[in-house]
Amino acid sequence: MGFKFEKLEVWRRSVEYADKLFQVVDTLPAKYQSSLGDQLRRAALSIPTNIAEGSGRDSDKSRVYFYRIAKGSVYETISLLVMIGKRGALDRDAYRTHYQEANEIAAILTKLANPSPKT
């Protein structure tokens, strides 16, 4: 049968996004690994983890809370990618690719966190 979150496209996409960000971290110079690298790993991992946790909650309020945390982590990854780019460790094309995926994931999370009123 599987868990609810495994059926969510946003969870699957966020796992792939996190994996790509881990690859970015793997290419960072050693001097940035423990600062920017560790923070980017945590933020990236937080996205699918909070989606999974939220999907298992019984109340809408609790579910929405975790989806909003996941969305905040998406934003955090973009801020960190900007800093990594400023250090010369991420080119513009890679940044744009990650930015686009983050934007799409955030849009899906916005919809999940703001469900239509039940009629």
PDB file of N, CA and C in Angstrom:
ATOM      1  N   MET A   1       0.831  -1.193   0.000  1.00  0.00           N
ATOM      2  CA  MET A   1       0.000   0.000   0.000  1.00  0.00           C
ATOM      3  C   MET A   1       0.870   1.249   0.000  1.00  0.00           C
ATOM      4  N   GLY A   2       1.739   1.396   0.971  1.00  0.00           N
ATOM      5  CA  GLY A   2       2.615   2.561   1.012  1.00  0.00           C
ATOM      6  C   GLY A   2       2.092   3.673   1.906  1.00  0.00           C
ATOM      7  N   PHE A   3       2.970   4.619   2.140  1.00  0.00           N
ATOM      8  CA  PHE A   3       2.618   5.786   2.933  1.00  0.00           C
ATOM      9  C   PHE A   3       2.001   6.868   2.041  1.00  0.00           C
ATOM     10  N   LYS A   4       1.176   7.736   2.647  1.00  0.00           N
ATOM     11  CA  LYS A   4       0.516   8.813   1.893  1.00  0.00           C
ATOM     12  C   LYS A   4       1.527   9.680   1.152  1.00  0.00           C
ATOM     13  N   PHE A   5       2.613  10.028   1.819  1.00  0.00           N
ATOM     14  CA  PHE A   5       3.572  10.960   1.213  1.00  0.00           C
ATOM     15  C   PHE A   5       4.215  10.395  -0.049  1.00  0.00           C
ATOM     16  N   GLU A   6       4.315   9.073  -0.146  1.00  0.00           N
ATOM     17  CA  GLU A   6       4.929   8.463  -1.327  1.00  0.00           C
ATOM     18  C   GLU A   6       4.102   8.686  -2.595  1.00  0.00           C
ATOM     19  N   LYS A   7       2.834   9.010  -2.411  1.00  0.00           N
ATOM     20  CA  LYS A   7       1.945   9.272  -3.546  1.00  0.00           C
ATOM     21  C   LYS A   7       1.974  10.735  -3.967  1.00  0.00           C
ATOM     22  N   LEU A   8       2.593  11.579  -3.167  1.00  0.00           N
ATOM     23  CA  LEU A   8       2.622  13.011  -3.459  1.00  0.00           C
ATOM     24  C   LEU A   8       3.757  13.354  -4.422  1.00  0.00           C
ATOM     25  N   GLU A   9       3.378  13.939  -5.553  1.00  0.00           N
ATOM     26  CA  GLU A   9       4.386  14.367  -6.530  1.00  0.00           C
ATOM     27  C   GLU A   9       5.381  15.345  -5.893  1.00  0.00           C
ATOM     28  N   VAL A  10       4.892  16.230  -5.048  1.00  0.00           N
ATOM     29  CA  VAL A  10       5.770  17.222  -4.429  1.00  0.00           C
ATOM     30  C   VAL A  10       6.818  16.560  -3.537  1.00  0.00           C
ATOM     31  N   TRP A  11       6.462  15.458  -2.901  1.00  0.00           N
ATOM     32  CA  TRP A  11       7.451  14.747  -2.086  1.00  0.00           C
ATOM     33  C   TRP A  11       8.525  14.146  -2.984  1.00  0.00           C
ATOM     34  N   ARG A  12       8.098  13.476  -4.060  1.00  0.00           N
ATOM     35  CA  ARG A  12       9.073  12.867  -4.982  1.00  0.00           C
ATOM     36  C   ARG A  12       9.990  13.924  -5.597  1.00  0.00           C
ATOM     37  N   ARG A  13       9.415  15.039  -5.987  1.00  0.00           N
ATOM     38  CA  ARG A  13      10.227  16.114  -6.570  1.00  0.00           C
ATOM     39  C   ARG A  13      11.183  16.704  -5.545  1.00  0.00           C
ATOM     40  N   SER A  14      10.718  16.823  -4.316  1.00  0.00           N
ATOM     41  CA  SER A  14      11.581  17.402  -3.285  1.00  0.00           C
ATOM     42  C   SER A  14      12.729  16.462  -2.919  1.00  0.00           C
ATOM     43  N   VAL A  15      12.518  15.162  -3.018  1.00  0.00           N
ATOM     44  CA  VAL A  15      13.608  14.208  -2.799  1.00  0.00           C
ATOM     45  C   VAL A  15      14.671  14.393  -3.891  1.00  0.00           C
ATOM     46  N   GLU A  16      14.226  14.524  -5.128  1.00  0.00           N
ATOM     47  CA  GLU A  16      15.168  14.730  -6.240  1.00  0.00           C
ATOM     48  C   GLU A  16      15.895  16.069  -6.093  1.00  0.00           C
ATOM     49  N   TYR A  17      15.154  17.101  -5.702  1.00  0.00           N
ATOM     50  CA  TYR A  17      15.747  18.425  -5.488  1.00  0.00           C
ATOM     51  C   TYR A  17      16.806  18.352  -4.395  1.00  0.00           C
ATOM     52  N   ALA A  18      16.486  17.701  -3.298  1.00  0.00           N
ATOM     53  CA  ALA A  18      17.449  17.565  -2.201  1.00  0.00           C
ATOM     54  C   ALA A  18      18.690  16.819  -2.674  1.00  0.00           C
ATOM     55  N   ASP A  19      18.500  15.768  -3.456  1.00  0.00           N
ATOM     56  CA  ASP A  19      19.638  15.012  -3.973  1.00  0.00           C
ATOM     57  C   ASP A  19      20.540  15.901  -4.826  1.00  0.00           C
ATOM     58  N   LYS A  20      19.944  16.732  -5.661  1.00  0.00           N
ATOM     59  CA  LYS A  20      20.727  17.649  -6.501  1.00  0.00           C
ATOM     60  C   LYS A  20      21.483  18.661  -5.646  1.00  0.00           C
ATOM     61  N   LEU A  21      20.861  19.116  -4.568  1.00  0.00           N
ATOM     62  CA  LEU A  21      21.542  20.066  -3.693  1.00  0.00           C
ATOM     63  C   LEU A  21      22.670  19.397  -2.926  1.00  0.00           C
ATOM     64  N   PHE A  22      22.495  18.132  -2.570  1.00  0.00           N
ATOM     65  CA  PHE A  22      23.595  17.387  -1.942  1.00  0.00           C
ATOM     66  C   PHE A  22      24.771  17.298  -2.911  1.00  0.00           C
ATOM     67  N   GLN A  23      24.481  17.157  -4.204  1.00  0.00           N
ATOM     68  CA  GLN A  23      25.543  17.120  -5.209  1.00  0.00           C
ATOM     69  C   GLN A  23      26.275  18.465  -5.262  1.00  0.00           C
ATOM     70  N   VAL A  24      25.534  19.566  -5.135  1.00  0.00           N
ATOM     71  CA  VAL A  24      26.159  20.895  -5.087  1.00  0.00           C
ATOM     72  C   VAL A  24      27.114  20.956  -3.898  1.00  0.00           C
ATOM     73  N   VAL A  25      26.644  20.504  -2.750  1.00  0.00           N
ATOM     74  CA  VAL A  25      27.475  20.530  -1.538  1.00  0.00           C
ATOM     75  C   VAL A  25      28.741  19.704  -1.734  1.00  0.00           C
ATOM     76  N   ASP A  26      28.601  18.567  -2.382  1.00  0.00           N
ATOM     77  CA  ASP A  26      29.758  17.697  -2.602  1.00  0.00           C
ATOM     78  C   ASP A  26      30.855  18.366  -3.423  1.00  0.00           C
ATOM     79  N   THR A  27      30.494  19.384  -4.204  1.00  0.00           N
ATOM     80  CA  THR A  27      31.484  20.072  -5.038  1.00  0.00           C
ATOM     81  C   THR A  27      32.059  21.332  -4.375  1.00  0.00           C
ATOM     82  N   LEU A  28      31.532  21.689  -3.209  1.00  0.00           N
ATOM     83  CA  LEU A  28      32.000  22.910  -2.537  1.00  0.00           C
ATOM     84  C   LEU A  28      33.444  22.748  -2.054  1.00  0.00           C
ATOM     85  N   PRO A  29      34.203  23.840  -2.086  1.00  0.00           N
ATOM     86  CA  PRO A  29      35.534  23.800  -1.486  1.00  0.00           C
ATOM     87  C   PRO A  29      35.433  23.451   0.003  1.00  0.00           C
ATOM     88  N   ALA A  30      36.449  22.816   0.516  1.00  0.00           N
ATOM     89  CA  ALA A  30      36.460  22.352   1.915  1.00  0.00           C
ATOM     90  C   ALA A  30      36.142  23.474   2.895  1.00  0.00           C
ATOM     91  N   LYS A  31      36.592  24.669   2.618  1.00  0.00           N
ATOM     92  CA  LYS A  31      36.370  25.769   3.570  1.00  0.00           C
ATOM     93  C   LYS A  31      34.892  26.145   3.722  1.00  0.00           C
ATOM     94  N   TYR A  32      34.040  25.716   2.783  1.00  0.00           N
ATOM     95  CA  TYR A  32      32.602  26.006   2.870  1.00  0.00           C
ATOM     96  C   TYR A  32      31.764  24.787   3.267  1.00  0.00           C
ATOM     97  N   GLN A  33      32.385  23.636   3.400  1.00  0.00           N
ATOM     98  CA  GLN A  33      31.639  22.410   3.696  1.00  0.00           C
ATOM     99  C   GLN A  33      30.902  22.474   5.028  1.00  0.00           C
ATOM    100  N   SER A  34      31.556  22.935   6.065  1.00  0.00           N
ATOM    101  CA  SER A  34      30.924  22.892   7.381  1.00  0.00           C
ATOM    102  C   SER A  34      29.982  24.066   7.632  1.00  0.00           C
ATOM    103  N   SER A  35      30.085  25.120   6.870  1.00  0.00           N
ATOM    104  CA  SER A  35      29.175  26.246   7.066  1.00  0.00           C
ATOM    105  C   SER A  35      28.034  26.182   6.050  1.00  0.00           C
ATOM    106  N   LEU A  36      28.283  26.634   4.860  1.00  0.00           N
ATOM    107  CA  LEU A  36      27.247  26.637   3.831  1.00  0.00           C
ATOM    108  C   LEU A  36      26.794  25.224   3.467  1.00  0.00           C
ATOM    109  N   GLY A  37      27.732  24.307   3.390  1.00  0.00           N
ATOM    110  CA  GLY A  37      27.404  22.938   2.987  1.00  0.00           C
ATOM    111  C   GLY A  37      26.474  22.240   3.957  1.00  0.00           C
ATOM    112  N   ASP A  38      26.831  22.263   5.225  1.00  0.00           N
ATOM    113  CA  ASP A  38      25.983  21.601   6.222  1.00  0.00           C
ATOM    114  C   ASP A  38      24.600  22.241   6.300  1.00  0.00           C
ATOM    115  N   GLN A  39      24.552  23.555   6.213  1.00  0.00           N
ATOM    116  CA  GLN A  39      23.261  24.251   6.283  1.00  0.00           C
ATOM    117  C   GLN A  39      22.399  23.918   5.071  1.00  0.00           C
ATOM    118  N   LEU A  40      23.022  23.850   3.881  1.00  0.00           N
ATOM    119  CA  LEU A  40      22.258  23.509   2.683  1.00  0.00           C
ATOM    120  C   LEU A  40      21.750  22.071   2.759  1.00  0.00           C
ATOM    121  N   ARG A  41      22.564  21.167   3.247  1.00  0.00           N
ATOM    122  CA  ARG A  41      22.113  19.780   3.407  1.00  0.00           C
ATOM    123  C   ARG A  41      20.899  19.710   4.338  1.00  0.00           C
ATOM    124  N   ARG A  42      20.976  20.395   5.479  1.00  0.00           N
ATOM    125  CA  ARG A  42      19.861  20.362   6.446  1.00  0.00           C
ATOM    126  C   ARG A  42      18.590  20.960   5.853  1.00  0.00           C
ATOM    127  N   ALA A  43      18.727  22.091   5.172  1.00  0.00           N
ATOM    128  CA  ALA A  43      17.549  22.734   4.577  1.00  0.00           C
ATOM    129  C   ALA A  43      16.942  21.854   3.489  1.00  0.00           C
ATOM    130  N   ALA A  44      17.792  21.273   2.652  1.00  0.00           N
ATOM    131  CA  ALA A  44      17.308  20.410   1.567  1.00  0.00           C
ATOM    132  C   ALA A  44      16.610  19.179   2.119  1.00  0.00           C
ATOM    133  N   LEU A  45      17.184  18.578   3.135  1.00  0.00           N
ATOM    134  CA  LEU A  45      16.611  17.391   3.750  1.00  0.00           C
ATOM    135  C   LEU A  45      15.294  17.704   4.456  1.00  0.00           C
ATOM    136  N   SER A  46      15.163  18.902   4.964  1.00  0.00           N
ATOM    137  CA  SER A  46      13.965  19.316   5.677  1.00  0.00           C
ATOM    138  C   SER A  46      12.727  19.350   4.779  1.00  0.00           C
ATOM    139  N   ILE A  47      12.920  19.579   3.489  1.00  0.00           N
ATOM    140  CA  ILE A  47      11.763  19.715   2.590  1.00  0.00           C
ATOM    141  C   ILE A  47      10.982  18.397   2.497  1.00  0.00           C
ATOM    142  N   PRO A  48      11.575  17.307   1.984  1.00  0.00           N
ATOM    143  CA  PRO A  48      10.787  16.077   1.901  1.00  0.00           C
ATOM    144  C   PRO A  48      10.428  15.497   3.263  1.00  0.00           C
ATOM    145  N   THR A  49      11.267  15.731   4.256  1.00  0.00           N
ATOM    146  CA  THR A  49      10.996  15.204   5.589  1.00  0.00           C
ATOM    147  C   THR A  49       9.737  15.835   6.181  1.00  0.00           C
ATOM    148  N   ASN A  50       9.596  17.139   6.049  1.00  0.00           N
ATOM    149  CA  ASN A  50       8.407  17.816   6.576  1.00  0.00           C
ATOM    150  C   ASN A  50       7.159  17.518   5.751  1.00  0.00           C
ATOM    151  N   ILE A  51       7.325  17.313   4.444  1.00  0.00           N
ATOM    152  CA  ILE A  51       6.179  16.898   3.628  1.00  0.00           C
ATOM    153  C   ILE A  51       5.690  15.534   4.105  1.00  0.00           C
ATOM    154  N   ALA A  52       6.624  14.624   4.325  1.00  0.00           N
ATOM    155  CA  ALA A  52       6.259  13.287   4.800  1.00  0.00           C
ATOM    156  C   ALA A  52       5.572  13.370   6.154  1.00  0.00           C
ATOM    157  N   GLU A  53       6.154  14.130   7.067  1.00  0.00           N
ATOM    158  CA  GLU A  53       5.564  14.240   8.400  1.00  0.00           C
ATOM    159  C   GLU A  53       4.178  14.864   8.335  1.00  0.00           C
ATOM    160  N   GLY A  54       4.039  15.917   7.543  1.00  0.00           N
ATOM    161  CA  GLY A  54       2.741  16.571   7.415  1.00  0.00           C
ATOM    162  C   GLY A  54       1.670  15.661   6.845  1.00  0.00           C
ATOM    163  N   SER A  55       2.051  14.852   5.875  1.00  0.00           N
ATOM    164  CA  SER A  55       1.062  13.977   5.242  1.00  0.00           C
ATOM    165  C   SER A  55       0.520  12.931   6.207  1.00  0.00           C
ATOM    166  N   GLY A  56       1.260  12.649   7.269  1.00  0.00           N
ATOM    167  CA  GLY A  56       0.814  11.669   8.250  1.00  0.00           C
ATOM    168  C   GLY A  56      -0.015  12.251   9.377  1.00  0.00           C
ATOM    169  N   ARG A  57      -0.193  13.550   9.385  1.00  0.00           N
ATOM    170  CA  ARG A  57      -0.982  14.197  10.446  1.00  0.00           C
ATOM    171  C   ARG A  57      -2.472  14.061  10.178  1.00  0.00           C
ATOM    172  N   ASP A  58      -3.231  13.961  11.250  1.00  0.00           N
ATOM    173  CA  ASP A  58      -4.675  13.762  11.118  1.00  0.00           C
ATOM    174  C   ASP A  58      -5.464  15.052  10.943  1.00  0.00           C
ATOM    175  N   SER A  59      -4.969  16.146  11.483  1.00  0.00           N
ATOM    176  CA  SER A  59      -5.728  17.392  11.357  1.00  0.00           C
ATOM    177  C   SER A  59      -5.165  18.255  10.235  1.00  0.00           C
ATOM    178  N   ASP A  60      -6.062  18.996   9.598  1.00  0.00           N
ATOM    179  CA  ASP A  60      -5.638  19.910   8.536  1.00  0.00           C
ATOM    180  C   ASP A  60      -4.639  20.934   9.068  1.00  0.00           C
ATOM    181  N   LYS A  61      -4.910  21.447  10.272  1.00  0.00           N
ATOM    182  CA  LYS A  61      -4.049  22.469  10.853  1.00  0.00           C
ATOM    183  C   LYS A  61      -2.619  21.946  11.027  1.00  0.00           C
ATOM    184  N   SER A  62      -2.486  20.762  11.524  1.00  0.00           N
ATOM    185  CA  SER A  62      -1.178  20.159  11.743  1.00  0.00           C
ATOM    186  C   SER A  62      -0.488  19.857  10.415  1.00  0.00           C
ATOM    187  N   ARG A  63      -1.228  19.334   9.454  1.00  0.00           N
ATOM    188  CA  ARG A  63      -0.684  19.018   8.134  1.00  0.00           C
ATOM    189  C   ARG A  63      -0.156  20.285   7.463  1.00  0.00           C
ATOM    190  N   VAL A  64      -0.958  21.329   7.490  1.00  0.00           N
ATOM    191  CA  VAL A  64      -0.584  22.610   6.883  1.00  0.00           C
ATOM    192  C   VAL A  64       0.673  23.177   7.540  1.00  0.00           C
ATOM    193  N   TYR A  65       0.774  23.040   8.845  1.00  0.00           N
ATOM    194  CA  TYR A  65       1.960  23.516   9.572  1.00  0.00           C
ATOM    195  C   TYR A  65       3.238  22.918   8.980  1.00  0.00           C
ATOM    196  N   PHE A  66       3.247  21.623   8.754  1.00  0.00           N
ATOM    197  CA  PHE A  66       4.457  20.970   8.226  1.00  0.00           C
ATOM    198  C   PHE A  66       4.706  21.326   6.767  1.00  0.00           C
ATOM    199  N   TYR A  67       3.650  21.497   5.993  1.00  0.00           N
ATOM    200  CA  TYR A  67       3.839  21.925   4.600  1.00  0.00           C
ATOM    201  C   TYR A  67       4.443  23.334   4.550  1.00  0.00           C
ATOM    202  N   ARG A  68       4.039  24.173   5.472  1.00  0.00           N
ATOM    203  CA  ARG A  68       4.606  25.531   5.523  1.00  0.00           C
ATOM    204  C   ARG A  68       6.064  25.513   5.973  1.00  0.00           C
ATOM    205  N   ILE A  69       6.406  24.624   6.886  1.00  0.00           N
ATOM    206  CA  ILE A  69       7.811  24.470   7.290  1.00  0.00           C
ATOM    207  C   ILE A  69       8.637  24.022   6.075  1.00  0.00           C
ATOM    208  N   ALA A  70       8.104  23.066   5.321  1.00  0.00           N
ATOM    209  CA  ALA A  70       8.799  22.583   4.116  1.00  0.00           C
ATOM    210  C   ALA A  70       9.014  23.729   3.132  1.00  0.00           C
ATOM    211  N   LYS A  71       8.000  24.558   2.954  1.00  0.00           N
ATOM    212  CA  LYS A  71       8.109  25.703   2.041  1.00  0.00           C
ATOM    213  C   LYS A  71       9.175  26.679   2.528  1.00  0.00           C
ATOM    214  N   GLY A  72       9.229  26.925   3.818  1.00  0.00           N
ATOM    215  CA  GLY A  72      10.269  27.786   4.372  1.00  0.00           C
ATOM    216  C   GLY A  72      11.657  27.227   4.097  1.00  0.00           C
ATOM    217  N   SER A  73      11.784  25.913   4.157  1.00  0.00           N
ATOM    218  CA  SER A  73      13.073  25.286   3.865  1.00  0.00           C
ATOM    219  C   SER A  73      13.440  25.433   2.394  1.00  0.00           C
ATOM    220  N   VAL A  74      12.450  25.422   1.508  1.00  0.00           N
ATOM    221  CA  VAL A  74      12.717  25.687   0.089  1.00  0.00           C
ATOM    222  C   VAL A  74      13.335  27.078  -0.047  1.00  0.00           C
ATOM    223  N   TYR A  75      12.729  28.051   0.606  1.00  0.00           N
ATOM    224  CA  TYR A  75      13.248  29.420   0.549  1.00  0.00           C
ATOM    225  C   TYR A  75      14.667  29.490   1.111  1.00  0.00           C
ATOM    226  N   GLU A  76      14.902  28.760   2.174  1.00  0.00           N
ATOM    227  CA  GLU A  76      16.230  28.742   2.788  1.00  0.00           C
ATOM    228  C   GLU A  76      17.279  28.220   1.799  1.00  0.00           C
ATOM    229  N   THR A  77      16.915  27.191   1.029  1.00  0.00           N
ATOM    230  CA  THR A  77      17.891  26.653   0.071  1.00  0.00           C
ATOM    231  C   THR A  77      18.272  27.703  -0.966  1.00  0.00           C
ATOM    232  N   ILE A  78      17.323  28.490  -1.399  1.00  0.00           N
ATOM    233  CA  ILE A  78      17.620  29.521  -2.400  1.00  0.00           C
ATOM    234  C   ILE A  78      18.559  30.570  -1.821  1.00  0.00           C
ATOM    235  N   SER A  79      18.308  30.996  -0.600  1.00  0.00           N
ATOM    236  CA  SER A  79      19.198  31.970   0.047  1.00  0.00           C
ATOM    237  C   SER A  79      20.619  31.417   0.143  1.00  0.00           C
ATOM    238  N   LEU A  80      20.745  30.151   0.497  1.00  0.00           N
ATOM    239  CA  LEU A  80      22.064  29.528   0.602  1.00  0.00           C
ATOM    240  C   LEU A  80      22.725  29.391  -0.767  1.00  0.00           C
ATOM    241  N   LEU A  81      21.940  29.064  -1.797  1.00  0.00           N
ATOM    242  CA  LEU A  81      22.503  28.973  -3.142  1.00  0.00           C
ATOM    243  C   LEU A  81      23.024  30.322  -3.619  1.00  0.00           C
ATOM    244  N   VAL A  82      22.344  31.393  -3.246  1.00  0.00           N
ATOM    245  CA  VAL A  82      22.834  32.739  -3.583  1.00  0.00           C
ATOM    246  C   VAL A  82      24.208  32.955  -2.960  1.00  0.00           C
ATOM    247  N   MET A  83      24.339  32.615  -1.689  1.00  0.00           N
ATOM    248  CA  MET A  83      25.626  32.793  -1.005  1.00  0.00           C
ATOM    249  C   MET A  83      26.721  31.915  -1.623  1.00  0.00           C
ATOM    250  N   ILE A  84      26.358  30.696  -1.986  1.00  0.00           N
ATOM    251  CA  ILE A  84      27.316  29.793  -2.619  1.00  0.00           C
ATOM    252  C   ILE A  84      27.752  30.364  -3.969  1.00  0.00           C
ATOM    253  N   GLY A  85      26.800  30.926  -4.697  1.00  0.00           N
ATOM    254  CA  GLY A  85      27.117  31.572  -5.970  1.00  0.00           C
ATOM    255  C   GLY A  85      28.039  32.765  -5.781  1.00  0.00           C
ATOM    256  N   LYS A  86      27.801  33.533  -4.739  1.00  0.00           N
ATOM    257  CA  LYS A  86      28.662  34.695  -4.454  1.00  0.00           C
ATOM    258  C   LYS A  86      30.084  34.274  -4.108  1.00  0.00           C
ATOM    259  N   ARG A  87      30.254  33.054  -3.645  1.00  0.00           N
ATOM    260  CA  ARG A  87      31.594  32.524  -3.348  1.00  0.00           C
ATOM    261  C   ARG A  87      32.226  31.922  -4.605  1.00  0.00           C
ATOM    262  N   GLY A  88      31.515  31.973  -5.726  1.00  0.00           N
ATOM    263  CA  GLY A  88      32.027  31.436  -6.980  1.00  0.00           C
ATOM    264  C   GLY A  88      31.934  29.922  -7.085  1.00  0.00           C
ATOM    265  N   ALA A  89      31.112  29.306  -6.250  1.00  0.00           N
ATOM    266  CA  ALA A  89      31.027  27.848  -6.229  1.00  0.00           C
ATOM    267  C   ALA A  89      29.774  27.305  -6.930  1.00  0.00           C
ATOM    268  N   LEU A  90      29.017  28.172  -7.605  1.00  0.00           N
ATOM    269  CA  LEU A  90      27.836  27.743  -8.340  1.00  0.00           C
ATOM    270  C   LEU A  90      27.634  28.693  -9.514  1.00  0.00           C
ATOM    271  N   ASP A  91      27.579  28.141 -10.725  1.00  0.00           N
ATOM    272  CA  ASP A  91      27.415  29.018 -11.891  1.00  0.00           C
ATOM    273  C   ASP A  91      25.949  29.423 -12.074  1.00  0.00           C
ATOM    274  N   ARG A  92      25.740  30.441 -12.889  1.00  0.00           N
ATOM    275  CA  ARG A  92      24.403  31.010 -13.076  1.00  0.00           C
ATOM    276  C   ARG A  92      23.392  30.004 -13.629  1.00  0.00           C
ATOM    277  N   ASP A  93      23.822  29.178 -14.584  1.00  0.00           N
ATOM    278  CA  ASP A  93      22.893  28.212 -15.172  1.00  0.00           C
ATOM    279  C   ASP A  93      22.422  27.199 -14.135  1.00  0.00           C
ATOM    280  N   ALA A  94      23.338  26.701 -13.331  1.00  0.00           N
ATOM    281  CA  ALA A  94      22.958  25.752 -12.277  1.00  0.00           C
ATOM    282  C   ALA A  94      22.027  26.435 -11.277  1.00  0.00           C
ATOM    283  N   TYR A  95      22.339  27.671 -10.919  1.00  0.00           N
ATOM    284  CA  TYR A  95      21.481  28.412  -9.996  1.00  0.00           C
ATOM    285  C   TYR A  95      20.066  28.538 -10.570  1.00  0.00           C
ATOM    286  N   ARG A  96      19.972  28.920 -11.835  1.00  0.00           N
ATOM    287  CA  ARG A  96      18.654  29.084 -12.465  1.00  0.00           C
ATOM    288  C   ARG A  96      17.862  27.778 -12.465  1.00  0.00           C
ATOM    289  N   THR A  97      18.538  26.674 -12.745  1.00  0.00           N
ATOM    290  CA  THR A  97      17.880  25.372 -12.746  1.00  0.00           C
ATOM    291  C   THR A  97      17.332  25.032 -11.359  1.00  0.00           C
ATOM    292  N   HIS A  98      18.157  25.217 -10.339  1.00  0.00           N
ATOM    293  CA  HIS A  98      17.717  24.935  -8.967  1.00  0.00           C
ATOM    294  C   HIS A  98      16.610  25.902  -8.548  1.00  0.00           C
ATOM    295  N   TYR A  99      16.738  27.155  -8.943  1.00  0.00           N
ATOM    296  CA  TYR A  99      15.743  28.171  -8.605  1.00  0.00           C
ATOM    297  C   TYR A  99      14.378  27.803  -9.193  1.00  0.00           C
ATOM    298  N   GLN A 100      14.357  27.384 -10.450  1.00  0.00           N
ATOM    299  CA  GLN A 100      13.098  27.024 -11.111  1.00  0.00           C
ATOM    300  C   GLN A 100      12.427  25.852 -10.399  1.00  0.00           C
ATOM    301  N   GLU A 101      13.213  24.834 -10.070  1.00  0.00           N
ATOM    302  CA  GLU A 101      12.638  23.674  -9.378  1.00  0.00           C
ATOM    303  C   GLU A 101      12.118  24.077  -7.996  1.00  0.00           C
ATOM    304  N   ALA A 102      12.879  24.888  -7.295  1.00  0.00           N
ATOM    305  CA  ALA A 102      12.443  25.361  -5.978  1.00  0.00           C
ATOM    306  C   ALA A 102      11.144  26.150  -6.088  1.00  0.00           C
ATOM    307  N   ASN A 103      11.047  26.992  -7.087  1.00  0.00           N
ATOM    308  CA  ASN A 103       9.854  27.801  -7.290  1.00  0.00           C
ATOM    309  C   ASN A 103       8.628  26.922  -7.535  1.00  0.00           C
ATOM    310  N   GLU A 104       8.801  25.876  -8.321  1.00  0.00           N
ATOM    311  CA  GLU A 104       7.681  24.970  -8.597  1.00  0.00           C
ATOM    312  C   GLU A 104       7.284  24.173  -7.357  1.00  0.00           C
ATOM    313  N   ILE A 105       8.257  23.706  -6.606  1.00  0.00           N
ATOM    314  CA  ILE A 105       7.963  22.976  -5.366  1.00  0.00           C
ATOM    315  C   ILE A 105       7.243  23.892  -4.379  1.00  0.00           C
ATOM    316  N   ALA A 106       7.713  25.125  -4.244  1.00  0.00           N
ATOM    317  CA  ALA A 106       7.076  26.084  -3.330  1.00  0.00           C
ATOM    318  C   ALA A 106       5.633  26.364  -3.747  1.00  0.00           C
ATOM    319  N   ALA A 107       5.378  26.442  -5.048  1.00  0.00           N
ATOM    320  CA  ALA A 107       4.015  26.700  -5.528  1.00  0.00           C
ATOM    321  C   ALA A 107       3.084  25.537  -5.167  1.00  0.00           C
ATOM    322  N   ILE A 108       3.568  24.316  -5.311  1.00  0.00           N
ATOM    323  CA  ILE A 108       2.760  23.149  -4.950  1.00  0.00           C
ATOM    324  C   ILE A 108       2.483  23.153  -3.446  1.00  0.00           C
ATOM    325  N   LEU A 109       3.509  23.461  -2.658  1.00  0.00           N
ATOM    326  CA  LEU A 109       3.331  23.505  -1.206  1.00  0.00           C
ATOM    327  C   LEU A 109       2.357  24.602  -0.795  1.00  0.00           C
ATOM    328  N   THR A 110       2.368  25.720  -1.507  1.00  0.00           N
ATOM    329  CA  THR A 110       1.416  26.793  -1.225  1.00  0.00           C
ATOM    330  C   THR A 110      -0.010  26.282  -1.412  1.00  0.00           C
ATOM    331  N   LYS A 111      -0.238  25.537  -2.492  1.00  0.00           N
ATOM    332  CA  LYS A 111      -1.575  24.976  -2.733  1.00  0.00           C
ATOM    333  C   LYS A 111      -1.960  23.965  -1.659  1.00  0.00           C
ATOM    334  N   LEU A 112      -1.013  23.136  -1.254  1.00  0.00           N
ATOM    335  CA  LEU A 112      -1.304  22.148  -0.209  1.00  0.00           C
ATOM    336  C   LEU A 112      -1.582  22.814   1.136  1.00  0.00           C
ATOM    337  N   ALA A 113      -0.902  23.928   1.395  1.00  0.00           N
ATOM    338  CA  ALA A 113      -1.070  24.621   2.671  1.00  0.00           C
ATOM    339  C   ALA A 113      -2.286  25.536   2.698  1.00  0.00           C
ATOM    340  N   ASN A 114      -2.889  25.759   1.553  1.00  0.00           N
ATOM    341  CA  ASN A 114      -4.074  26.611   1.461  1.00  0.00           C
ATOM    342  C   ASN A 114      -5.188  25.866   0.727  1.00  0.00           C
ATOM    343  N   PRO A 115      -5.678  24.796   1.329  1.00  0.00           N
ATOM    344  CA  PRO A 115      -6.697  23.998   0.634  1.00  0.00           C
ATOM    345  C   PRO A 115      -7.980  24.797   0.409  1.00  0.00           C
ATOM    346  N   SER A 116      -8.662  24.455  -0.652  1.00  0.00           N
ATOM    347  CA  SER A 116      -9.938  25.108  -0.954  1.00  0.00           C
ATOM    348  C   SER A 116     -10.938  24.794   0.144  1.00  0.00           C
ATOM    349  N   PRO A 117     -11.784  25.756   0.458  1.00  0.00           N
ATOM    350  CA  PRO A 117     -12.806  25.501   1.482  1.00  0.00           C
ATOM    351  C   PRO A 117     -13.716  24.356   1.037  1.00  0.00           C
ATOM    352  N   LYS A 118     -14.083  23.526   1.994  1.00  0.00           N
ATOM    353  CA  LYS A 118     -14.976  22.407   1.684  1.00  0.00           C
ATOM    354  C   LYS A 118     -16.399  22.910   1.558  1.00  0.00           C
ATOM    355  N   THR A 119     -17.074  22.410   0.546  1.00  0.00           N
ATOM    356  CA  THR A 119     -18.476  22.848   0.337  1.00  0.00           C
ATOM    357  C   THR A 119     -19.440  21.780   0.733  1.00  0.00           C
TER     358      THR A 119
END
